[in-house]
């Protein structure tokens, strides 16, 4: 869908990207044994910080990312690598 929207609106100067997230610190519960166990799955050994998600969005809407469209960016502290 991201690619279709990017293709459809590119001639109007609009870009479209998607973020793929696993889980972030705003929903991580250090008292939940399941959450703590799942943390082992992250290569970075931590969850994504909400500031990192915001920073990625800020980059994608900036001129520095002007050539990025139709892409999905994964922001998950490596969680989906395993």
PDB file of N, CA and C in Angstrom:
ATOM      1  N   UNK A   1       0.821  -1.188   0.000  1.00  0.00           N
ATOM      2  CA  UNK A   1       0.000   0.000   0.000  1.00  0.00           C
ATOM      3  C   UNK A   1       0.872   1.261   0.000  1.00  0.00           C
ATOM      4  N   UNK A   2       1.970   1.221   0.769  1.00  0.00           N
ATOM      5  CA  UNK A   2       2.870   2.375   0.821  1.00  0.00           C
ATOM      6  C   UNK A   2       3.423   2.695  -0.563  1.00  0.00           C
ATOM      7  N   UNK A   3       3.819   1.669  -1.282  1.00  0.00           N
ATOM      8  CA  UNK A   3       4.347   1.887  -2.632  1.00  0.00           C
ATOM      9  C   UNK A   3       3.279   2.426  -3.570  1.00  0.00           C
ATOM     10  N   UNK A   4       2.067   1.912  -3.453  1.00  0.00           N
ATOM     11  CA  UNK A   4       0.979   2.375  -4.315  1.00  0.00           C
ATOM     12  C   UNK A   4       0.669   3.845  -4.058  1.00  0.00           C
ATOM     13  N   UNK A   5       0.593   4.233  -2.804  1.00  0.00           N
ATOM     14  CA  UNK A   5       0.319   5.637  -2.462  1.00  0.00           C
ATOM     15  C   UNK A   5       1.475   6.517  -2.929  1.00  0.00           C
ATOM     16  N   UNK A   6       2.713   6.053  -2.724  1.00  0.00           N
ATOM     17  CA  UNK A   6       3.878   6.826  -3.159  1.00  0.00           C
ATOM     18  C   UNK A   6       3.853   7.044  -4.667  1.00  0.00           C
ATOM     19  N   UNK A   7       3.509   6.007  -5.410  1.00  0.00           N
ATOM     20  CA  UNK A   7       3.438   6.123  -6.869  1.00  0.00           C
ATOM     21  C   UNK A   7       2.316   7.050  -7.310  1.00  0.00           C
ATOM     22  N   UNK A   8       1.185   6.935  -6.654  1.00  0.00           N
ATOM     23  CA  UNK A   8       0.006   7.720  -7.023  1.00  0.00           C
ATOM     24  C   UNK A   8       0.216   9.219  -6.827  1.00  0.00           C
ATOM     25  N   UNK A   9       0.909   9.606  -5.782  1.00  0.00           N
ATOM     26  CA  UNK A   9       0.999  11.023  -5.441  1.00  0.00           C
ATOM     27  C   UNK A   9       2.367  11.652  -5.681  1.00  0.00           C
ATOM     28  N   UNK A  10       3.306  10.904  -6.220  1.00  0.00           N
ATOM     29  CA  UNK A  10       4.650  11.428  -6.460  1.00  0.00           C
ATOM     30  C   UNK A  10       4.645  12.641  -7.381  1.00  0.00           C
ATOM     31  N   UNK A  11       3.777  12.625  -8.394  1.00  0.00           N
ATOM     32  CA  UNK A  11       3.744  13.740  -9.339  1.00  0.00           C
ATOM     33  C   UNK A  11       3.211  15.030  -8.706  1.00  0.00           C
ATOM     34  N   UNK A  12       2.650  14.920  -7.516  1.00  0.00           N
ATOM     35  CA  UNK A  12       2.171  16.100  -6.780  1.00  0.00           C
ATOM     36  C   UNK A  12       3.156  16.522  -5.700  1.00  0.00           C
ATOM     37  N   UNK A  13       4.332  15.901  -5.720  1.00  0.00           N
ATOM     38  CA  UNK A  13       5.368  16.261  -4.759  1.00  0.00           C
ATOM     39  C   UNK A  13       5.191  15.644  -3.380  1.00  0.00           C
ATOM     40  N   UNK A  14       4.330  14.648  -3.288  1.00  0.00           N
ATOM     41  CA  UNK A  14       4.104  14.020  -1.991  1.00  0.00           C
ATOM     42  C   UNK A  14       4.833  12.685  -1.918  1.00  0.00           C
ATOM     43  N   UNK A  15       5.327  12.394  -0.729  1.00  0.00           N
ATOM     44  CA  UNK A  15       6.001  11.128  -0.477  1.00  0.00           C
ATOM     45  C   UNK A  15       5.197  10.343   0.548  1.00  0.00           C
ATOM     46  N   UNK A  16       5.393   9.040   0.555  1.00  0.00           N
ATOM     47  CA  UNK A  16       4.691   8.191   1.515  1.00  0.00           C
ATOM     48  C   UNK A  16       5.654   7.126   2.017  1.00  0.00           C
ATOM     49  N   UNK A  17       5.794   7.040   3.320  1.00  0.00           N
ATOM     50  CA  UNK A  17       6.601   6.006   3.947  1.00  0.00           C
ATOM     51  C   UNK A  17       5.810   5.412   5.100  1.00  0.00           C
ATOM     52  N   UNK A  18       6.211   4.229   5.504  1.00  0.00           N
ATOM     53  CA  UNK A  18       5.566   3.562   6.638  1.00  0.00           C
ATOM     54  C   UNK A  18       6.621   3.207   7.672  1.00  0.00           C
ATOM     55  N   UNK A  19       6.209   3.183   8.921  1.00  0.00           N
ATOM     56  CA  UNK A  19       7.082   2.715   9.994  1.00  0.00           C
ATOM     57  C   UNK A  19       6.589   1.351  10.450  1.00  0.00           C
ATOM     58  N   UNK A  20       7.526   0.431  10.626  1.00  0.00           N
ATOM     59  CA  UNK A  20       7.200  -0.867  11.195  1.00  0.00           C
ATOM     60  C   UNK A  20       7.802  -0.896  12.596  1.00  0.00           C
ATOM     61  N   UNK A  21       6.935  -1.053  13.567  1.00  0.00           N
ATOM     62  CA  UNK A  21       7.367  -1.038  14.960  1.00  0.00           C
ATOM     63  C   UNK A  21       7.075  -2.386  15.599  1.00  0.00           C
ATOM     64  N   UNK A  22       7.882  -2.779  16.558  1.00  0.00           N
ATOM     65  CA  UNK A  22       7.589  -3.980  17.334  1.00  0.00           C
ATOM     66  C   UNK A  22       6.956  -3.526  18.648  1.00  0.00           C
ATOM     67  N   UNK A  23       7.755  -3.083  19.589  1.00  0.00           N
ATOM     68  CA  UNK A  23       7.217  -2.509  20.813  1.00  0.00           C
ATOM     69  C   UNK A  23       8.199  -1.491  21.335  1.00  0.00           C
ATOM     70  N   UNK A  24       7.691  -0.580  22.116  1.00  0.00           N
ATOM     71  CA  UNK A  24       8.502   0.540  22.580  1.00  0.00           C
ATOM     72  C   UNK A  24       8.357   0.700  24.083  1.00  0.00           C
ATOM     73  N   UNK A  25       9.175   1.583  24.623  1.00  0.00           N
ATOM     74  CA  UNK A  25       9.218   1.764  26.072  1.00  0.00           C
ATOM     75  C   UNK A  25       7.902   2.236  26.677  1.00  0.00           C
ATOM     76  N   UNK A  26       7.051   2.829  25.873  1.00  0.00           N
ATOM     77  CA  UNK A  26       5.780   3.306  26.431  1.00  0.00           C
ATOM     78  C   UNK A  26       4.801   2.170  26.741  1.00  0.00           C
ATOM     79  N   UNK A  27       5.076   0.962  26.237  1.00  0.00           N
ATOM     80  CA  UNK A  27       4.198  -0.170  26.562  1.00  0.00           C
ATOM     81  C   UNK A  27       4.958  -1.310  27.226  1.00  0.00           C
ATOM     82  N   UNK A  28       6.271  -1.185  27.368  1.00  0.00           N
ATOM     83  CA  UNK A  28       7.071  -2.227  28.000  1.00  0.00           C
ATOM     84  C   UNK A  28       6.821  -2.209  29.502  1.00  0.00           C
ATOM     85  N   UNK A  29       6.566  -3.385  30.069  1.00  0.00           N
ATOM     86  CA  UNK A  29       6.308  -3.509  31.504  1.00  0.00           C
ATOM     87  C   UNK A  29       7.397  -4.382  32.116  1.00  0.00           C
ATOM     88  N   UNK A  30       8.310  -3.766  32.842  1.00  0.00           N
ATOM     89  CA  UNK A  30       9.427  -4.506  33.425  1.00  0.00           C
ATOM     90  C   UNK A  30       8.968  -5.481  34.511  1.00  0.00           C
ATOM     91  N   UNK A  31       7.729  -5.364  34.968  1.00  0.00           N
ATOM     92  CA  UNK A  31       7.183  -6.301  35.951  1.00  0.00           C
ATOM     93  C   UNK A  31       6.486  -7.489  35.301  1.00  0.00           C
ATOM     94  N   UNK A  32       6.364  -7.479  33.985  1.00  0.00           N
ATOM     95  CA  UNK A  32       5.707  -8.568  33.257  1.00  0.00           C
ATOM     96  C   UNK A  32       6.775  -9.556  32.796  1.00  0.00           C
ATOM     97  N   UNK A  33       6.744 -10.789  33.325  1.00  0.00           N
ATOM     98  CA  UNK A  33       7.756 -11.779  32.932  1.00  0.00           C
ATOM     99  C   UNK A  33       7.794 -12.025  31.423  1.00  0.00           C
ATOM    100  N   UNK A  34       6.651 -11.940  30.762  1.00  0.00           N
ATOM    101  CA  UNK A  34       6.617 -12.127  29.309  1.00  0.00           C
ATOM    102  C   UNK A  34       7.372 -11.033  28.579  1.00  0.00           C
ATOM    103  N   UNK A  35       7.189  -9.794  29.018  1.00  0.00           N
ATOM    104  CA  UNK A  35       7.918  -8.674  28.405  1.00  0.00           C
ATOM    105  C   UNK A  35       9.416  -8.824  28.628  1.00  0.00           C
ATOM    106  N   UNK A  36       9.796  -9.190  29.849  1.00  0.00           N
ATOM    107  CA  UNK A  36      11.214  -9.348  30.163  1.00  0.00           C
ATOM    108  C   UNK A  36      11.808 -10.480  29.337  1.00  0.00           C
ATOM    109  N   UNK A  37      11.086 -11.593  29.180  1.00  0.00           N
ATOM    110  CA  UNK A  37      11.559 -12.714  28.371  1.00  0.00           C
ATOM    111  C   UNK A  37      11.721 -12.294  26.908  1.00  0.00           C
ATOM    112  N   UNK A  38      10.761 -11.551  26.398  1.00  0.00           N
ATOM    113  CA  UNK A  38      10.838 -11.098  25.005  1.00  0.00           C
ATOM    114  C   UNK A  38      12.008 -10.155  24.772  1.00  0.00           C
ATOM    115  N   UNK A  39      12.456  -9.492  25.799  1.00  0.00           N
ATOM    116  CA  UNK A  39      13.584  -8.573  25.670  1.00  0.00           C
ATOM    117  C   UNK A  39      14.840  -9.301  25.193  1.00  0.00           C
ATOM    118  N   UNK A  40      14.951 -10.578  25.528  1.00  0.00           N
ATOM    119  CA  UNK A  40      16.090 -11.384  25.071  1.00  0.00           C
ATOM    120  C   UNK A  40      16.125 -11.490  23.554  1.00  0.00           C
ATOM    121  N   UNK A  41      15.003 -11.305  22.920  1.00  0.00           N
ATOM    122  CA  UNK A  41      14.917 -11.419  21.466  1.00  0.00           C
ATOM    123  C   UNK A  41      15.516 -10.196  20.755  1.00  0.00           C
ATOM    124  N   UNK A  42      15.676  -9.109  21.469  1.00  0.00           N
ATOM    125  CA  UNK A  42      16.201  -7.886  20.867  1.00  0.00           C
ATOM    126  C   UNK A  42      17.722  -7.904  20.837  1.00  0.00           C
ATOM    127  N   UNK A  43      18.337  -7.808  19.671  1.00  0.00           N
ATOM    128  CA  UNK A  43      19.796  -7.775  19.587  1.00  0.00           C
ATOM    129  C   UNK A  43      20.406  -6.635  20.402  1.00  0.00           C
ATOM    130  N   UNK A  44      19.699  -5.529  20.531  1.00  0.00           N
ATOM    131  CA  UNK A  44      20.228  -4.411  21.313  1.00  0.00           C
ATOM    132  C   UNK A  44      19.962  -4.582  22.807  1.00  0.00           C
ATOM    133  N   UNK A  45      19.181  -5.595  23.162  1.00  0.00           N
ATOM    134  CA  UNK A  45      18.909  -5.870  24.565  1.00  0.00           C
ATOM    135  C   UNK A  45      18.010  -4.857  25.240  1.00  0.00           C
ATOM    136  N   UNK A  46      17.215  -4.178  24.443  1.00  0.00           N
ATOM    137  CA  UNK A  46      16.316  -3.163  24.993  1.00  0.00           C
ATOM    138  C   UNK A  46      15.173  -2.941  24.015  1.00  0.00           C
ATOM    139  N   UNK A  47      14.169  -2.219  24.480  1.00  0.00           N
ATOM    140  CA  UNK A  47      13.079  -1.843  23.595  1.00  0.00           C
ATOM    141  C   UNK A  47      13.406  -0.503  22.945  1.00  0.00           C
ATOM    142  N   UNK A  48      12.658  -0.175  21.923  1.00  0.00           N
ATOM    143  CA  UNK A  48      12.827   1.100  21.246  1.00  0.00           C
ATOM    144  C   UNK A  48      12.308   2.229  22.130  1.00  0.00           C
ATOM    145  N   UNK A  49      13.042   3.310  22.173  1.00  0.00           N
ATOM    146  CA  UNK A  49      12.583   4.493  22.910  1.00  0.00           C
ATOM    147  C   UNK A  49      11.655   5.302  22.009  1.00  0.00           C
ATOM    148  N   UNK A  50      10.618   5.854  22.586  1.00  0.00           N
ATOM    149  CA  UNK A  50       9.672   6.638  21.786  1.00  0.00           C
ATOM    150  C   UNK A  50      10.368   7.808  21.102  1.00  0.00           C
ATOM    151  N   UNK A  51      11.425   8.328  21.708  1.00  0.00           N
ATOM    152  CA  UNK A  51      12.182   9.419  21.080  1.00  0.00           C
ATOM    153  C   UNK A  51      12.844   8.962  19.778  1.00  0.00           C
ATOM    154  N   UNK A  52      13.218   7.684  19.718  1.00  0.00           N
ATOM    155  CA  UNK A  52      13.820   7.150  18.494  1.00  0.00           C
ATOM    156  C   UNK A  52      12.788   7.054  17.378  1.00  0.00           C
ATOM    157  N   UNK A  53      11.577   6.705  17.741  1.00  0.00           N
ATOM    158  CA  UNK A  53      10.505   6.673  16.748  1.00  0.00           C
ATOM    159  C   UNK A  53      10.245   8.082  16.236  1.00  0.00           C
ATOM    160  N   UNK A  54      10.140   9.030  17.156  1.00  0.00           N
ATOM    161  CA  UNK A  54       9.900  10.428  16.769  1.00  0.00           C
ATOM    162  C   UNK A  54      11.041  10.961  15.903  1.00  0.00           C
ATOM    163  N   UNK A  55      12.258  10.610  16.241  1.00  0.00           N
ATOM    164  CA  UNK A  55      13.408  11.054  15.448  1.00  0.00           C
ATOM    165  C   UNK A  55      13.388  10.503  14.040  1.00  0.00           C
ATOM    166  N   UNK A  56      12.953   9.254  13.896  1.00  0.00           N
ATOM    167  CA  UNK A  56      12.844   8.651  12.572  1.00  0.00           C
ATOM    168  C   UNK A  56      11.773   9.351  11.747  1.00  0.00           C
ATOM    169  N   UNK A  57      10.650   9.637  12.375  1.00  0.00           N
ATOM    170  CA  UNK A  57       9.582  10.363  11.671  1.00  0.00           C
ATOM    171  C   UNK A  57      10.073  11.749  11.264  1.00  0.00           C
ATOM    172  N   UNK A  58      10.758  12.438  12.172  1.00  0.00           N
ATOM    173  CA  UNK A  58      11.278  13.776  11.857  1.00  0.00           C
ATOM    174  C   UNK A  58      12.236  13.712  10.665  1.00  0.00           C
ATOM    175  N   UNK A  59      13.068  12.698  10.625  1.00  0.00           N
ATOM    176  CA  UNK A  59      13.968  12.545   9.489  1.00  0.00           C
ATOM    177  C   UNK A  59      13.191  12.312   8.199  1.00  0.00           C
ATOM    178  N   UNK A  60      12.216  11.406   8.235  1.00  0.00           N
ATOM    179  CA  UNK A  60      11.470  11.063   7.021  1.00  0.00           C
ATOM    180  C   UNK A  60      10.696  12.240   6.445  1.00  0.00           C
ATOM    181  N   UNK A  61      10.273  13.171   7.276  1.00  0.00           N
ATOM    182  CA  UNK A  61       9.547  14.331   6.751  1.00  0.00           C
ATOM    183  C   UNK A  61      10.482  15.479   6.393  1.00  0.00           C
ATOM    184  N   UNK A  62      11.777  15.305   6.646  1.00  0.00           N
ATOM    185  CA  UNK A  62      12.732  16.378   6.362  1.00  0.00           C
ATOM    186  C   UNK A  62      13.201  16.337   4.903  1.00  0.00           C
ATOM    187  N   UNK A  63      13.832  17.409   4.486  1.00  0.00           N
ATOM    188  CA  UNK A  63      14.390  17.477   3.131  1.00  0.00           C
ATOM    189  C   UNK A  63      15.528  16.479   2.946  1.00  0.00           C
ATOM    190  N   UNK A  64      16.222  16.120   4.026  1.00  0.00           N
ATOM    191  CA  UNK A  64      17.309  15.142   3.924  1.00  0.00           C
ATOM    192  C   UNK A  64      16.802  13.795   3.437  1.00  0.00           C
ATOM    193  N   UNK A  65      15.526  13.513   3.650  1.00  0.00           N
ATOM    194  CA  UNK A  65      14.921  12.252   3.200  1.00  0.00           C
ATOM    195  C   UNK A  65      14.096  12.465   1.938  1.00  0.00           C
ATOM    196  N   UNK A  66      14.380  13.520   1.223  1.00  0.00           N
ATOM    197  CA  UNK A  66      13.586  13.881   0.055  1.00  0.00           C
ATOM    198  C   UNK A  66      13.510  12.834  -1.041  1.00  0.00           C
ATOM    199  N   UNK A  67      14.453  11.916  -1.086  1.00  0.00           N
ATOM    200  CA  UNK A  67      14.438  10.875  -2.115  1.00  0.00           C
ATOM    201  C   UNK A  67      13.870   9.559  -1.595  1.00  0.00           C
ATOM    202  N   UNK A  68      13.382   9.560  -0.368  1.00  0.00           N
ATOM    203  CA  UNK A  68      12.830   8.331   0.211  1.00  0.00           C
ATOM    204  C   UNK A  68      11.314   8.366   0.095  1.00  0.00           C
ATOM    205  N   UNK A  69      10.781   7.421  -0.642  1.00  0.00           N
ATOM    206  CA  UNK A  69       9.332   7.282  -0.769  1.00  0.00           C
ATOM    207  C   UNK A  69       9.014   5.837  -1.124  1.00  0.00           C
ATOM    208  N   UNK A  70       7.864   5.392  -0.701  1.00  0.00           N
ATOM    209  CA  UNK A  70       7.453   4.025  -0.973  1.00  0.00           C
ATOM    210  C   UNK A  70       8.179   2.998  -0.122  1.00  0.00           C
ATOM    211  N   UNK A  71       8.820   3.450   0.939  1.00  0.00           N
ATOM    212  CA  UNK A  71       9.617   2.558   1.779  1.00  0.00           C
ATOM    213  C   UNK A  71       8.958   2.301   3.123  1.00  0.00           C
ATOM    214  N   UNK A  72       9.322   1.164   3.693  1.00  0.00           N
ATOM    215  CA  UNK A  72       8.943   0.848   5.060  1.00  0.00           C
ATOM    216  C   UNK A  72      10.214   0.839   5.889  1.00  0.00           C
ATOM    217  N   UNK A  73      10.231   1.613   6.949  1.00  0.00           N
ATOM    218  CA  UNK A  73      11.395   1.715   7.829  1.00  0.00           C
ATOM    219  C   UNK A  73      11.067   0.996   9.135  1.00  0.00           C
ATOM    220  N   UNK A  74      11.916   0.053   9.499  1.00  0.00           N
ATOM    221  CA  UNK A  74      11.706  -0.697  10.732  1.00  0.00           C
ATOM    222  C   UNK A  74      12.461  -0.015  11.859  1.00  0.00           C
ATOM    223  N   UNK A  75      11.734   0.295  12.929  1.00  0.00           N
ATOM    224  CA  UNK A  75      12.322   0.925  14.116  1.00  0.00           C
ATOM    225  C   UNK A  75      11.931   0.049  15.296  1.00  0.00           C
ATOM    226  N   UNK A  76      12.817  -0.893  15.647  1.00  0.00           N
ATOM    227  CA  UNK A  76      12.420  -1.891  16.656  1.00  0.00           C
ATOM    228  C   UNK A  76      13.577  -2.420  17.508  1.00  0.00           C
ATOM    229  N   UNK A  77      14.684  -1.702  17.556  1.00  0.00           N
ATOM    230  CA  UNK A  77      15.873  -2.144  18.327  1.00  0.00           C
ATOM    231  C   UNK A  77      16.348  -3.523  17.870  1.00  0.00           C
ATOM    232  N   UNK A  78      16.041  -3.868  16.633  1.00  0.00           N
ATOM    233  CA  UNK A  78      16.481  -5.142  16.062  1.00  0.00           C
ATOM    234  C   UNK A  78      15.581  -6.313  16.385  1.00  0.00           C
ATOM    235  N   UNK A  79      14.467  -6.077  17.022  1.00  0.00           N
ATOM    236  CA  UNK A  79      13.562  -7.132  17.488  1.00  0.00           C
ATOM    237  C   UNK A  79      13.150  -8.107  16.377  1.00  0.00           C
ATOM    238  N   UNK A  80      12.868  -7.592  15.187  1.00  0.00           N
ATOM    239  CA  UNK A  80      12.401  -8.454  14.096  1.00  0.00           C
ATOM    240  C   UNK A  80      13.528  -9.160  13.359  1.00  0.00           C
ATOM    241  N   UNK A  81      14.775  -8.901  13.752  1.00  0.00           N
ATOM    242  CA  UNK A  81      15.914  -9.593  13.133  1.00  0.00           C
ATOM    243  C   UNK A  81      15.958 -11.060  13.505  1.00  0.00           C
ATOM    244  N   UNK A  82      15.376 -11.383  14.630  1.00  0.00           N
ATOM    245  CA  UNK A  82      15.464 -12.769  15.125  1.00  0.00           C
ATOM    246  C   UNK A  82      14.155 -13.469  15.014  1.00  0.00           C
TER     247      UNK A  82
END
